[in-house]
């Protein structure tokens, strides 16, 4: 018998919108999707879905996930998301929140988003102290040894986390870097329970940091908000004292995103 997925009547979706709607569905779900998931969601025949996915992969808007069958955001789609978040109007409001936070706590504050290989700094406001750590906008840092990266990892499903941790050996950046996958999992469980993550000189000797999540309306992680400082000025225990203003700023940033989404 013929495959129902290939013989069903195609929905009236304009041809020039189909690829955009696939990208929208992948982003909306927040997880890598198999072709069958998209067939069910969009009602398009399997060959059409496969053709569109191949085009999106070739052009860099989607890429294969670790299982080789599912598709998640590719570099061009992630770049599009970052550039959208960096639009002038939204960035002005976002920087006002970051500047207010940096002035309140007196240390550098960072906004980072997850990418394929690590966390990428989207925005930052520097401390006025002459002793500071330079990590410019656009810098990508590892997942396993940074506060922002560990915050992101703590939100992943078990299967996805296992794939990330087993993809390659965890690089030892300092004497304090956690390189055991089981030890990282234990750290991430603690992170999930307490609602913030830490970096106690694990990424860079002499630097400590904490991070909190910025969540969308479905409670999915959009980005992380972090503060870091030289340990000569603030040990990790002191930086944890900045947690309340950090969480308040993260809530304002989440609200800003929600208003922007509603306006669009």
C-alpha atoms as a PDB file:
ATOM      1  CA  UNK A   1       0.000   0.000   0.000  1.00  0.00           C
ATOM      2  CA  UNK A   2       1.251   3.539  -0.642  1.00  0.00           C
ATOM      3  CA  UNK A   3       2.630   5.518   2.264  1.00  0.00           C
ATOM      4  CA  UNK A   4      -0.123   7.772   3.655  1.00  0.00           C
ATOM      5  CA  UNK A   5       2.498  10.434   4.354  1.00  0.00           C
ATOM      6  CA  UNK A   6       3.342  10.623   0.655  1.00  0.00           C
ATOM      7  CA  UNK A   7      -0.213  10.445  -0.695  1.00  0.00           C
ATOM      8  CA  UNK A   8      -2.103  12.690   1.691  1.00  0.00           C
ATOM      9  CA  UNK A   9      -3.310  15.976   0.291  1.00  0.00           C
ATOM     10  CA  UNK A  10      -0.815  18.727   0.999  1.00  0.00           C
ATOM     11  CA  UNK A  11      -2.062  21.597   3.169  1.00  0.00           C
ATOM     12  CA  UNK A  12      -2.367  24.994   1.563  1.00  0.00           C
ATOM     13  CA  UNK A  13       0.975  26.341   2.741  1.00  0.00           C
ATOM     14  CA  UNK A  14       2.572  28.679   0.193  1.00  0.00           C
ATOM     15  CA  UNK A  15       5.759  27.149  -1.148  1.00  0.00           C
ATOM     16  CA  UNK A  16       7.855  30.149  -0.137  1.00  0.00           C
ATOM     17  CA  UNK A  17       6.685  29.831   3.495  1.00  0.00           C
ATOM     18  CA  UNK A  18       7.326  26.126   4.042  1.00  0.00           C
ATOM     19  CA  UNK A  19      10.994  26.343   4.940  1.00  0.00           C
ATOM     20  CA  UNK A  20      10.358  29.304   7.251  1.00  0.00           C
ATOM     21  CA  UNK A  21       7.613  27.383   9.039  1.00  0.00           C
ATOM     22  CA  UNK A  22       9.947  24.418   9.525  1.00  0.00           C
ATOM     23  CA  UNK A  23      12.558  26.701  11.089  1.00  0.00           C
ATOM     24  CA  UNK A  24       9.860  28.237  13.272  1.00  0.00           C
ATOM     25  CA  UNK A  25       8.709  24.803  14.443  1.00  0.00           C
ATOM     26  CA  UNK A  26      12.251  23.683  15.331  1.00  0.00           C
ATOM     27  CA  UNK A  27      12.816  26.845  17.362  1.00  0.00           C
ATOM     28  CA  UNK A  28       9.374  26.684  18.979  1.00  0.00           C
ATOM     29  CA  UNK A  29       9.864  23.113  20.193  1.00  0.00           C
ATOM     30  CA  UNK A  30      13.273  23.925  21.645  1.00  0.00           C
ATOM     31  CA  UNK A  31      14.648  20.426  20.873  1.00  0.00           C
ATOM     32  CA  UNK A  32      16.113  18.744  17.809  1.00  0.00           C
ATOM     33  CA  UNK A  33      13.325  17.255  15.667  1.00  0.00           C
ATOM     34  CA  UNK A  34      13.206  14.196  13.435  1.00  0.00           C
ATOM     35  CA  UNK A  35      11.617  14.461   9.962  1.00  0.00           C
ATOM     36  CA  UNK A  36       8.647  12.413  11.221  1.00  0.00           C
ATOM     37  CA  UNK A  37       7.989  15.050  13.911  1.00  0.00           C
ATOM     38  CA  UNK A  38       7.733  17.711  11.219  1.00  0.00           C
ATOM     39  CA  UNK A  39       5.530  15.538   8.992  1.00  0.00           C
ATOM     40  CA  UNK A  40       3.079  15.231  11.902  1.00  0.00           C
ATOM     41  CA  UNK A  41       3.293  18.900  12.863  1.00  0.00           C
ATOM     42  CA  UNK A  42       2.953  20.408   9.399  1.00  0.00           C
ATOM     43  CA  UNK A  43       1.032  17.769   7.462  1.00  0.00           C
ATOM     44  CA  UNK A  44       3.422  17.905   4.526  1.00  0.00           C
ATOM     45  CA  UNK A  45       4.489  14.708   2.712  1.00  0.00           C
ATOM     46  CA  UNK A  46       7.659  13.023   3.910  1.00  0.00           C
ATOM     47  CA  UNK A  47       9.601  13.673   0.648  1.00  0.00           C
ATOM     48  CA  UNK A  48       8.764  17.390   0.881  1.00  0.00           C
ATOM     49  CA  UNK A  49       9.957  17.571   4.485  1.00  0.00           C
ATOM     50  CA  UNK A  50      13.185  15.728   3.636  1.00  0.00           C
ATOM     51  CA  UNK A  51      13.841  18.054   0.697  1.00  0.00           C
ATOM     52  CA  UNK A  52      13.296  21.168   2.807  1.00  0.00           C
ATOM     53  CA  UNK A  53      15.481  19.841   5.611  1.00  0.00           C
ATOM     54  CA  UNK A  54      18.250  19.073   3.145  1.00  0.00           C
ATOM     55  CA  UNK A  55      18.062  22.626   1.803  1.00  0.00           C
ATOM     56  CA  UNK A  56      18.118  24.109   5.321  1.00  0.00           C
ATOM     57  CA  UNK A  57      21.084  21.936   6.268  1.00  0.00           C
ATOM     58  CA  UNK A  58      23.032  22.749   3.099  1.00  0.00           C
ATOM     59  CA  UNK A  59      22.516  26.470   3.651  1.00  0.00           C
ATOM     60  CA  UNK A  60      23.469  26.289   7.344  1.00  0.00           C
ATOM     61  CA  UNK A  61      20.082  27.163   8.868  1.00  0.00           C
ATOM     62  CA  UNK A  62      19.696  23.696  10.412  1.00  0.00           C
ATOM     63  CA  UNK A  63      22.229  21.031  11.334  1.00  0.00           C
ATOM     64  CA  UNK A  64      22.125  17.376  12.303  1.00  0.00           C
ATOM     65  CA  UNK A  65      21.983  16.663  15.996  1.00  0.00           C
ATOM     66  CA  UNK A  66      24.214  14.163  17.760  1.00  0.00           C
ATOM     67  CA  UNK A  67      22.015  11.211  16.766  1.00  0.00           C
ATOM     68  CA  UNK A  68      22.510  11.992  13.063  1.00  0.00           C
ATOM     69  CA  UNK A  69      18.758  11.914  12.376  1.00  0.00           C
ATOM     70  CA  UNK A  70      17.327  14.933  14.195  1.00  0.00           C
ATOM     71  CA  UNK A  71      17.725  18.563  13.193  1.00  0.00           C
ATOM     72  CA  UNK A  72      18.424  21.570  15.378  1.00  0.00           C
ATOM     73  CA  UNK A  73      19.382  25.204  14.729  1.00  0.00           C
ATOM     74  CA  UNK A  74      22.420  25.654  12.501  1.00  0.00           C
ATOM     75  CA  UNK A  75      24.968  28.486  12.601  1.00  0.00           C
ATOM     76  CA  UNK A  76      23.008  30.809  10.305  1.00  0.00           C
ATOM     77  CA  UNK A  77      19.786  30.385  12.306  1.00  0.00           C
ATOM     78  CA  UNK A  78      21.628  30.945  15.593  1.00  0.00           C
ATOM     79  CA  UNK A  79      23.294  34.003  14.089  1.00  0.00           C
ATOM     80  CA  UNK A  80      19.897  35.273  13.001  1.00  0.00           C
ATOM     81  CA  UNK A  81      18.606  34.842  16.559  1.00  0.00           C
ATOM     82  CA  UNK A  82      21.585  36.686  18.054  1.00  0.00           C
ATOM     83  CA  UNK A  83      21.302  39.529  15.549  1.00  0.00           C
ATOM     84  CA  UNK A  84      17.574  39.803  16.246  1.00  0.00           C
ATOM     85  CA  UNK A  85      18.224  39.998  19.980  1.00  0.00           C
ATOM     86  CA  UNK A  86      20.862  42.631  19.272  1.00  0.00           C
ATOM     87  CA  UNK A  87      18.530  44.913  17.321  1.00  0.00           C
ATOM     88  CA  UNK A  88      19.085  48.532  18.316  1.00  0.00           C
ATOM     89  CA  UNK A  89      15.799  49.143  20.128  1.00  0.00           C
ATOM     90  CA  UNK A  90      15.923  45.941  22.155  1.00  0.00           C
ATOM     91  CA  UNK A  91      19.636  46.245  22.878  1.00  0.00           C
ATOM     92  CA  UNK A  92      19.236  49.782  24.231  1.00  0.00           C
ATOM     93  CA  UNK A  93      16.678  48.612  26.776  1.00  0.00           C
ATOM     94  CA  UNK A  94      18.735  45.525  27.611  1.00  0.00           C
ATOM     95  CA  UNK A  95      21.913  47.513  28.165  1.00  0.00           C
ATOM     96  CA  UNK A  96      20.059  49.877  30.503  1.00  0.00           C
ATOM     97  CA  UNK A  97      19.219  46.887  32.719  1.00  0.00           C
ATOM     98  CA  UNK A  98      22.783  45.553  32.548  1.00  0.00           C
ATOM     99  CA  UNK A  99      24.271  48.974  33.359  1.00  0.00           C
ATOM    100  CA  UNK A 100      21.982  49.373  36.337  1.00  0.00           C
ATOM    101  CA  UNK A 101      23.030  45.949  37.626  1.00  0.00           C
ATOM    102  CA  UNK A 102      26.750  46.594  37.064  1.00  0.00           C
ATOM    103  CA  UNK A 103      26.520  49.899  38.910  1.00  0.00           C
ATOM    104  CA  UNK A 104      24.647  48.281  41.811  1.00  0.00           C
ATOM    105  CA  UNK A 105      27.124  45.456  42.371  1.00  0.00           C
ATOM    106  CA  UNK A 106      30.249  47.166  41.040  1.00  0.00           C
ATOM    107  CA  UNK A 107      31.421  44.265  38.850  1.00  0.00           C
ATOM    108  CA  UNK A 108      31.268  43.194  35.195  1.00  0.00           C
ATOM    109  CA  UNK A 109      27.934  41.711  34.072  1.00  0.00           C
ATOM    110  CA  UNK A 110      27.504  39.456  31.029  1.00  0.00           C
ATOM    111  CA  UNK A 111      24.666  38.205  28.879  1.00  0.00           C
ATOM    112  CA  UNK A 112      25.445  34.939  27.067  1.00  0.00           C
ATOM    113  CA  UNK A 113      23.538  32.614  24.755  1.00  0.00           C
ATOM    114  CA  UNK A 114      24.191  28.922  24.012  1.00  0.00           C
ATOM    115  CA  UNK A 115      25.814  28.030  20.724  1.00  0.00           C
ATOM    116  CA  UNK A 116      26.838  24.669  19.292  1.00  0.00           C
ATOM    117  CA  UNK A 117      30.293  24.567  20.884  1.00  0.00           C
ATOM    118  CA  UNK A 118      29.912  26.832  23.910  1.00  0.00           C
ATOM    119  CA  UNK A 119      28.375  30.010  25.320  1.00  0.00           C
ATOM    120  CA  UNK A 120      28.711  33.216  23.294  1.00  0.00           C
ATOM    121  CA  UNK A 121      28.772  36.628  24.958  1.00  0.00           C
ATOM    122  CA  UNK A 122      25.934  38.683  23.535  1.00  0.00           C
ATOM    123  CA  UNK A 123      26.330  41.787  25.716  1.00  0.00           C
ATOM    124  CA  UNK A 124      28.373  42.947  28.667  1.00  0.00           C
ATOM    125  CA  UNK A 125      28.891  45.982  30.856  1.00  0.00           C
ATOM    126  CA  UNK A 126      32.381  46.361  32.278  1.00  0.00           C
ATOM    127  CA  UNK A 127      33.270  47.272  35.832  1.00  0.00           C
ATOM    128  CA  UNK A 128      35.033  50.587  36.375  1.00  0.00           C
ATOM    129  CA  UNK A 129      37.795  48.910  38.347  1.00  0.00           C
ATOM    130  CA  UNK A 130      41.184  48.994  36.552  1.00  0.00           C
ATOM    131  CA  UNK A 131      41.708  45.316  37.464  1.00  0.00           C
ATOM    132  CA  UNK A 132      39.231  43.414  35.290  1.00  0.00           C
ATOM    133  CA  UNK A 133      39.028  40.402  33.006  1.00  0.00           C
ATOM    134  CA  UNK A 134      38.591  41.074  29.295  1.00  0.00           C
ATOM    135  CA  UNK A 135      36.069  38.805  27.528  1.00  0.00           C
ATOM    136  CA  UNK A 136      34.700  40.877  24.613  1.00  0.00           C
ATOM    137  CA  UNK A 137      31.262  40.538  23.027  1.00  0.00           C
ATOM    138  CA  UNK A 138      31.341  37.580  20.633  1.00  0.00           C
ATOM    139  CA  UNK A 139      33.776  35.582  22.767  1.00  0.00           C
ATOM    140  CA  UNK A 140      32.811  31.912  23.010  1.00  0.00           C
ATOM    141  CA  UNK A 141      33.584  30.054  26.241  1.00  0.00           C
ATOM    142  CA  UNK A 142      33.233  26.346  27.123  1.00  0.00           C
ATOM    143  CA  UNK A 143      30.119  24.841  28.666  1.00  0.00           C
ATOM    144  CA  UNK A 144      31.690  22.628  31.327  1.00  0.00           C
ATOM    145  CA  UNK A 145      33.864  25.118  33.217  1.00  0.00           C
ATOM    146  CA  UNK A 146      31.986  28.426  33.105  1.00  0.00           C
ATOM    147  CA  UNK A 147      29.060  29.629  35.183  1.00  0.00           C
ATOM    148  CA  UNK A 148      27.006  30.486  32.095  1.00  0.00           C
ATOM    149  CA  UNK A 149      27.812  27.147  30.434  1.00  0.00           C
ATOM    150  CA  UNK A 150      26.952  25.076  33.496  1.00  0.00           C
ATOM    151  CA  UNK A 151      23.695  26.976  33.861  1.00  0.00           C
ATOM    152  CA  UNK A 152      22.800  26.002  30.293  1.00  0.00           C
ATOM    153  CA  UNK A 153      23.871  22.369  30.726  1.00  0.00           C
ATOM    154  CA  UNK A 154      21.686  22.078  33.827  1.00  0.00           C
ATOM    155  CA  UNK A 155      18.585  22.706  31.673  1.00  0.00           C
ATOM    156  CA  UNK A 156      19.275  19.948  29.129  1.00  0.00           C
ATOM    157  CA  UNK A 157      17.436  16.650  28.926  1.00  0.00           C
ATOM    158  CA  UNK A 158      19.479  13.670  30.138  1.00  0.00           C
ATOM    159  CA  UNK A 159      19.990  12.227  26.638  1.00  0.00           C
ATOM    160  CA  UNK A 160      21.148  15.560  25.222  1.00  0.00           C
ATOM    161  CA  UNK A 161      23.454  16.185  28.186  1.00  0.00           C
ATOM    162  CA  UNK A 162      24.988  12.724  27.784  1.00  0.00           C
ATOM    163  CA  UNK A 163      25.676  13.498  24.133  1.00  0.00           C
ATOM    164  CA  UNK A 164      27.367  16.803  24.989  1.00  0.00           C
ATOM    165  CA  UNK A 165      29.522  15.323  27.752  1.00  0.00           C
ATOM    166  CA  UNK A 166      30.577  12.304  25.689  1.00  0.00           C
ATOM    167  CA  UNK A 167      31.303  14.195  22.456  1.00  0.00           C
ATOM    168  CA  UNK A 168      34.909  14.900  23.448  1.00  0.00           C
ATOM    169  CA  UNK A 169      37.106  14.909  26.577  1.00  0.00           C
ATOM    170  CA  UNK A 170      36.415  17.824  28.915  1.00  0.00           C
ATOM    171  CA  UNK A 171      39.393  20.155  28.626  1.00  0.00           C
ATOM    172  CA  UNK A 172      41.223  21.060  31.826  1.00  0.00           C
ATOM    173  CA  UNK A 173      41.487  24.845  31.737  1.00  0.00           C
ATOM    174  CA  UNK A 174      42.853  25.336  35.280  1.00  0.00           C
ATOM    175  CA  UNK A 175      43.779  23.194  38.291  1.00  0.00           C
ATOM    176  CA  UNK A 176      40.148  23.519  39.461  1.00  0.00           C
ATOM    177  CA  UNK A 177      38.403  22.524  36.215  1.00  0.00           C
ATOM    178  CA  UNK A 178      36.008  19.601  36.615  1.00  0.00           C
ATOM    179  CA  UNK A 179      36.812  17.067  33.895  1.00  0.00           C
ATOM    180  CA  UNK A 180      34.842  14.057  35.148  1.00  0.00           C
ATOM    181  CA  UNK A 181      31.446  13.664  33.468  1.00  0.00           C
ATOM    182  CA  UNK A 182      29.934  12.220  36.658  1.00  0.00           C
ATOM    183  CA  UNK A 183      31.292  15.103  38.751  1.00  0.00           C
ATOM    184  CA  UNK A 184      29.837  17.554  36.232  1.00  0.00           C
ATOM    185  CA  UNK A 185      26.449  15.816  36.467  1.00  0.00           C
ATOM    186  CA  UNK A 186      26.567  16.145  40.256  1.00  0.00           C
ATOM    187  CA  UNK A 187      27.399  19.838  39.923  1.00  0.00           C
ATOM    188  CA  UNK A 188      24.524  20.332  37.475  1.00  0.00           C
ATOM    189  CA  UNK A 189      22.076  18.645  39.841  1.00  0.00           C
ATOM    190  CA  UNK A 190      23.100  21.133  42.526  1.00  0.00           C
ATOM    191  CA  UNK A 191      22.747  23.956  40.023  1.00  0.00           C
ATOM    192  CA  UNK A 192      19.201  22.919  39.134  1.00  0.00           C
ATOM    193  CA  UNK A 193      18.166  22.779  42.787  1.00  0.00           C
ATOM    194  CA  UNK A 194      19.606  26.126  43.843  1.00  0.00           C
ATOM    195  CA  UNK A 195      18.793  28.055  40.661  1.00  0.00           C
ATOM    196  CA  UNK A 196      22.261  29.450  39.976  1.00  0.00           C
ATOM    197  CA  UNK A 197      25.631  28.143  38.779  1.00  0.00           C
ATOM    198  CA  UNK A 198      29.182  28.899  39.829  1.00  0.00           C
ATOM    199  CA  UNK A 199      32.699  29.065  38.422  1.00  0.00           C
ATOM    200  CA  UNK A 200      35.337  28.945  41.155  1.00  0.00           C
ATOM    201  CA  UNK A 201      38.459  29.614  39.062  1.00  0.00           C
ATOM    202  CA  UNK A 202      37.513  26.678  36.810  1.00  0.00           C
ATOM    203  CA  UNK A 203      37.706  28.547  33.504  1.00  0.00           C
ATOM    204  CA  UNK A 204      40.397  31.076  34.323  1.00  0.00           C
ATOM    205  CA  UNK A 205      42.777  31.172  37.268  1.00  0.00           C
ATOM    206  CA  UNK A 206      42.012  34.183  39.433  1.00  0.00           C
ATOM    207  CA  UNK A 207      38.395  34.606  38.256  1.00  0.00           C
ATOM    208  CA  UNK A 208      35.166  33.564  39.973  1.00  0.00           C
ATOM    209  CA  UNK A 209      31.622  33.920  38.643  1.00  0.00           C
ATOM    210  CA  UNK A 210      27.968  33.052  39.152  1.00  0.00           C
ATOM    211  CA  UNK A 211      25.155  32.897  36.582  1.00  0.00           C
ATOM    212  CA  UNK A 212      21.355  32.760  36.601  1.00  0.00           C
ATOM    213  CA  UNK A 213      18.980  31.814  33.770  1.00  0.00           C
ATOM    214  CA  UNK A 214      16.833  34.145  31.689  1.00  0.00           C
ATOM    215  CA  UNK A 215      13.696  32.176  30.808  1.00  0.00           C
ATOM    216  CA  UNK A 216      10.974  32.524  28.196  1.00  0.00           C
ATOM    217  CA  UNK A 217       7.252  32.145  28.880  1.00  0.00           C
ATOM    218  CA  UNK A 218       7.550  28.351  28.573  1.00  0.00           C
ATOM    219  CA  UNK A 219      10.332  28.409  31.199  1.00  0.00           C
ATOM    220  CA  UNK A 220      12.979  27.506  28.626  1.00  0.00           C
ATOM    221  CA  UNK A 221      16.424  29.039  28.840  1.00  0.00           C
ATOM    222  CA  UNK A 222      16.900  31.992  26.487  1.00  0.00           C
ATOM    223  CA  UNK A 223      20.216  33.235  27.831  1.00  0.00           C
ATOM    224  CA  UNK A 224      22.236  33.502  31.018  1.00  0.00           C
ATOM    225  CA  UNK A 225      23.072  36.537  33.113  1.00  0.00           C
ATOM    226  CA  UNK A 226      26.351  36.343  34.977  1.00  0.00           C
ATOM    227  CA  UNK A 227      28.757  38.395  37.025  1.00  0.00           C
ATOM    228  CA  UNK A 228      32.459  37.703  37.313  1.00  0.00           C
ATOM    229  CA  UNK A 229      35.309  39.293  39.232  1.00  0.00           C
ATOM    230  CA  UNK A 230      38.969  38.743  40.094  1.00  0.00           C
ATOM    231  CA  UNK A 231      39.301  36.703  43.272  1.00  0.00           C
ATOM    232  CA  UNK A 232      41.687  39.357  44.595  1.00  0.00           C
ATOM    233  CA  UNK A 233      38.603  41.532  44.929  1.00  0.00           C
ATOM    234  CA  UNK A 234      35.805  38.999  45.514  1.00  0.00           C
ATOM    235  CA  UNK A 235      36.010  35.345  46.420  1.00  0.00           C
ATOM    236  CA  UNK A 236      33.195  33.118  45.137  1.00  0.00           C
ATOM    237  CA  UNK A 237      31.335  33.290  48.469  1.00  0.00           C
ATOM    238  CA  UNK A 238      31.226  37.085  48.164  1.00  0.00           C
ATOM    239  CA  UNK A 239      30.044  36.962  44.546  1.00  0.00           C
ATOM    240  CA  UNK A 240      27.167  34.696  45.603  1.00  0.00           C
ATOM    241  CA  UNK A 241      26.093  37.670  47.717  1.00  0.00           C
ATOM    242  CA  UNK A 242      25.161  39.398  44.435  1.00  0.00           C
ATOM    243  CA  UNK A 243      22.548  36.722  43.697  1.00  0.00           C
ATOM    244  CA  UNK A 244      19.397  38.709  44.519  1.00  0.00           C
ATOM    245  CA  UNK A 245      20.119  41.725  42.266  1.00  0.00           C
ATOM    246  CA  UNK A 246      21.255  39.287  39.563  1.00  0.00           C
ATOM    247  CA  UNK A 247      17.950  37.389  39.722  1.00  0.00           C
ATOM    248  CA  UNK A 248      15.956  40.633  39.707  1.00  0.00           C
ATOM    249  CA  UNK A 249      17.793  41.834  36.588  1.00  0.00           C
ATOM    250  CA  UNK A 250      17.255  38.446  34.903  1.00  0.00           C
ATOM    251  CA  UNK A 251      13.511  38.737  35.576  1.00  0.00           C
ATOM    252  CA  UNK A 252      13.458  42.204  33.993  1.00  0.00           C
ATOM    253  CA  UNK A 253      15.355  40.927  30.955  1.00  0.00           C
ATOM    254  CA  UNK A 254      12.898  38.030  30.596  1.00  0.00           C
ATOM    255  CA  UNK A 255       9.986  40.475  30.811  1.00  0.00           C
ATOM    256  CA  UNK A 256      11.618  42.674  28.170  1.00  0.00           C
ATOM    257  CA  UNK A 257      11.867  39.676  25.833  1.00  0.00           C
ATOM    258  CA  UNK A 258       8.240  38.718  26.465  1.00  0.00           C
ATOM    259  CA  UNK A 259       7.033  42.234  25.661  1.00  0.00           C
ATOM    260  CA  UNK A 260       9.136  42.260  22.487  1.00  0.00           C
ATOM    261  CA  UNK A 261       7.667  38.897  21.444  1.00  0.00           C
ATOM    262  CA  UNK A 262       4.133  40.100  22.144  1.00  0.00           C
ATOM    263  CA  UNK A 263       4.689  43.280  20.115  1.00  0.00           C
ATOM    264  CA  UNK A 264       5.844  41.184  17.153  1.00  0.00           C
END
